[in-house]
C-alpha atoms as a PDB file:
ATOM      1  CA  MET A   1      31.838 -66.067  13.581  1.00  0.00           C
ATOM      2  CA  ASP A   2      29.856 -62.589  13.637  1.00  0.00           C
ATOM      3  CA  ILE A   3      26.245 -63.886  13.560  1.00  0.00           C
ATOM      4  CA  THR A   4      25.038 -60.375  13.234  1.00  0.00           C
ATOM      5  CA  ASP A   5      26.360 -60.210   9.690  1.00  0.00           C
ATOM      6  CA  TYR A   6      24.143 -63.219   8.573  1.00  0.00           C
ATOM      7  CA  ASP A   7      21.182 -61.695  10.653  1.00  0.00           C
ATOM      8  CA  LYS A   8      21.490 -58.401   8.607  1.00  0.00           C
ATOM      9  CA  ALA A   9      21.648 -60.400   5.569  1.00  0.00           C
ATOM     10  CA  LEU A  10      18.840 -62.215   6.102  1.00  0.00           C
ATOM     11  CA  TYR A  11      16.968 -59.163   6.802  1.00  0.00           C
ATOM     12  CA  TYR A  12      18.233 -57.070   3.848  1.00  0.00           C
ATOM     13  CA  THR A  13      17.272 -59.906   1.926  1.00  0.00           C
ATOM     14  CA  HIS A  14      13.736 -60.470   2.985  1.00  0.00           C
ATOM     15  CA  HIS A  15      13.251 -56.883   2.267  1.00  0.00           C
ATOM     16  CA  CYS A  16      14.970 -56.634  -1.079  1.00  0.00           C
ATOM     17  CA  ALA A  17      17.704 -53.984   0.208  1.00  0.00           C
ATOM     18  CA  CYS A  18      20.118 -54.361  -2.262  1.00  0.00           C
ATOM     19  CA  ILE A  19      22.156 -51.373  -1.374  1.00  0.00           C
ATOM     20  CA  ASP A  20      22.307 -52.438   2.362  1.00  0.00           C
ATOM     21  CA  LEU A  21      23.431 -55.818   0.995  1.00  0.00           C
ATOM     22  CA  SER A  22      26.258 -54.480  -1.058  1.00  0.00           C
ATOM     23  CA  VAL A  23      27.509 -52.370   2.152  1.00  0.00           C
ATOM     24  CA  LEU A  24      27.116 -55.355   3.999  1.00  0.00           C
ATOM     25  CA  MET A  25      29.097 -57.751   1.264  1.00  0.00           C
ATOM     26  CA  MET A  26      31.826 -54.965   1.279  1.00  0.00           C
ATOM     27  CA  LYS A  27      32.265 -55.197   5.249  1.00  0.00           C
ATOM     28  CA  THR A  28      31.736 -58.939   6.272  1.00  0.00           C
ATOM     29  CA  GLU A  29      34.943 -60.994   6.664  1.00  0.00           C
ATOM     30  CA  ASP A  30      32.904 -64.283   5.278  1.00  0.00           C
ATOM     31  CA  ASP A  31      34.081 -64.546   1.614  1.00  0.00           C
ATOM     32  CA  ILE A  32      31.499 -66.931   1.055  1.00  0.00           C
ATOM     33  CA  LEU A  33      28.544 -64.688   2.353  1.00  0.00           C
ATOM     34  CA  SER A  34      30.021 -61.793   0.536  1.00  0.00           C
ATOM     35  CA  LYS A  35      30.089 -63.836  -2.955  1.00  0.00           C
ATOM     36  CA  ARG A  36      26.605 -65.016  -2.365  1.00  0.00           C
ATOM     37  CA  ILE A  37      25.273 -61.422  -1.786  1.00  0.00           C
ATOM     38  CA  GLU A  38      26.934 -60.255  -4.799  1.00  0.00           C
ATOM     39  CA  GLN A  39      25.383 -62.956  -6.939  1.00  0.00           C
ATOM     40  CA  PHE A  40      22.202 -62.282  -5.721  1.00  0.00           C
ATOM     41  CA  VAL A  41      22.511 -58.582  -5.925  1.00  0.00           C
ATOM     42  CA  HIS A  42      23.525 -58.723  -9.533  1.00  0.00           C
ATOM     43  CA  ALA A  43      20.583 -60.937 -10.460  1.00  0.00           C
ATOM     44  CA  PHE A  44      18.039 -58.658  -8.780  1.00  0.00           C
ATOM     45  CA  ILE A  45      19.599 -55.622 -10.459  1.00  0.00           C
ATOM     46  CA  ARG A  46      20.683 -57.343 -13.953  1.00  0.00           C
ATOM     47  CA  GLU A  47      18.657 -60.425 -14.786  1.00  0.00           C
ATOM     48  CA  THR A  48      15.238 -60.232 -16.693  1.00  0.00           C
ATOM     49  CA  GLU A  49      14.321 -63.781 -15.698  1.00  0.00           C
ATOM     50  CA  PHE A  50      12.703 -64.127 -12.639  1.00  0.00           C
ATOM     51  CA  MET A  51      14.063 -67.918 -12.272  1.00  0.00           C
ATOM     52  CA  LYS A  52      17.824 -66.774 -12.210  1.00  0.00           C
ATOM     53  CA  VAL A  53      16.885 -63.944  -9.439  1.00  0.00           C
ATOM     54  CA  LYS A  54      14.814 -66.488  -7.270  1.00  0.00           C
ATOM     55  CA  GLU A  55      18.067 -69.110  -7.564  1.00  0.00           C
ATOM     56  CA  ALA A  56      20.330 -66.540  -6.465  1.00  0.00           C
ATOM     57  CA  ARG A  57      18.094 -65.950  -3.810  1.00  0.00           C
ATOM     58  CA  ASP A  58      17.929 -69.128  -2.642  1.00  0.00           C
ATOM     59  CA  THR A  59      21.581 -69.800  -2.643  1.00  0.00           C
ATOM     60  CA  LEU A  60      22.053 -67.041  -0.119  1.00  0.00           C
ATOM     61  CA  LEU A  61      19.280 -68.048   1.950  1.00  0.00           C
ATOM     62  CA  SER A  62      20.511 -71.772   1.941  1.00  0.00           C
ATOM     63  CA  TYR A  63      24.038 -70.414   2.817  1.00  0.00           C
ATOM     64  CA  ILE A  64      22.611 -68.256   5.749  1.00  0.00           C
ATOM     65  CA  ASP A  65      20.518 -71.208   6.912  1.00  0.00           C
ATOM     66  CA  TYR A  66      23.488 -73.599   6.773  1.00  0.00           C
ATOM     67  CA  VAL A  67      25.487 -71.067   9.037  1.00  0.00           C
ATOM     68  CA  TYR A  68      22.867 -70.843  11.713  1.00  0.00           C
ATOM     69  CA  ARG A  69      22.954 -74.799  11.829  1.00  0.00           C
ATOM     70  CA  MET A  70      26.701 -74.669  12.574  1.00  0.00           C
ATOM     71  CA  GLU A  71      27.628 -75.823  15.888  1.00  0.00           C
ATOM     72  CA  PRO A  72      29.521 -72.715  17.959  1.00  0.00           C
ATOM     73  CA  ASP A  73      32.892 -72.728  19.248  1.00  0.00           C
ATOM     74  CA  LEU A  74      33.516 -73.598  22.608  1.00  0.00           C
ATOM     75  CA  SER A  75      35.088 -69.977  23.100  1.00  0.00           C
ATOM     76  CA  GLU A  76      31.516 -68.571  21.595  1.00  0.00           C
ATOM     77  CA  ILE A  77      29.909 -70.977  24.246  1.00  0.00           C
ATOM     78  CA  ALA A  78      31.898 -69.464  27.216  1.00  0.00           C
ATOM     79  CA  ALA A  79      31.268 -66.033  26.148  1.00  0.00           C
ATOM     80  CA  ILE A  80      27.352 -66.730  26.102  1.00  0.00           C
ATOM     81  CA  ASN A  81      27.863 -68.372  29.312  1.00  0.00           C
ATOM     82  CA  GLN A  82      29.558 -65.533  30.996  1.00  0.00           C
ATOM     83  CA  THR A  83      26.761 -62.829  29.555  1.00  0.00           C
ATOM     84  CA  LEU A  84      24.176 -65.151  31.312  1.00  0.00           C
ATOM     85  CA  ASP A  85      26.471 -65.043  34.570  1.00  0.00           C
END
């Protein structure tokens, strides 16, 4: 799991940087993140109802929050411990 994709998605979402989100959508290996970004960008650009834009944004942010709450793999813990040593 490359957490920098989620950090970038969070930052770009809060700053409504749709171009940067679109680039991230194409580069990320997480298909779910890519789909959630696509839905938010589409709603942000095309929708006239604010509630649909808010719903797409909340869905994206909920997924990012879910990823942050996941427990890291043992290999990631080992890599972090090596970095700290």
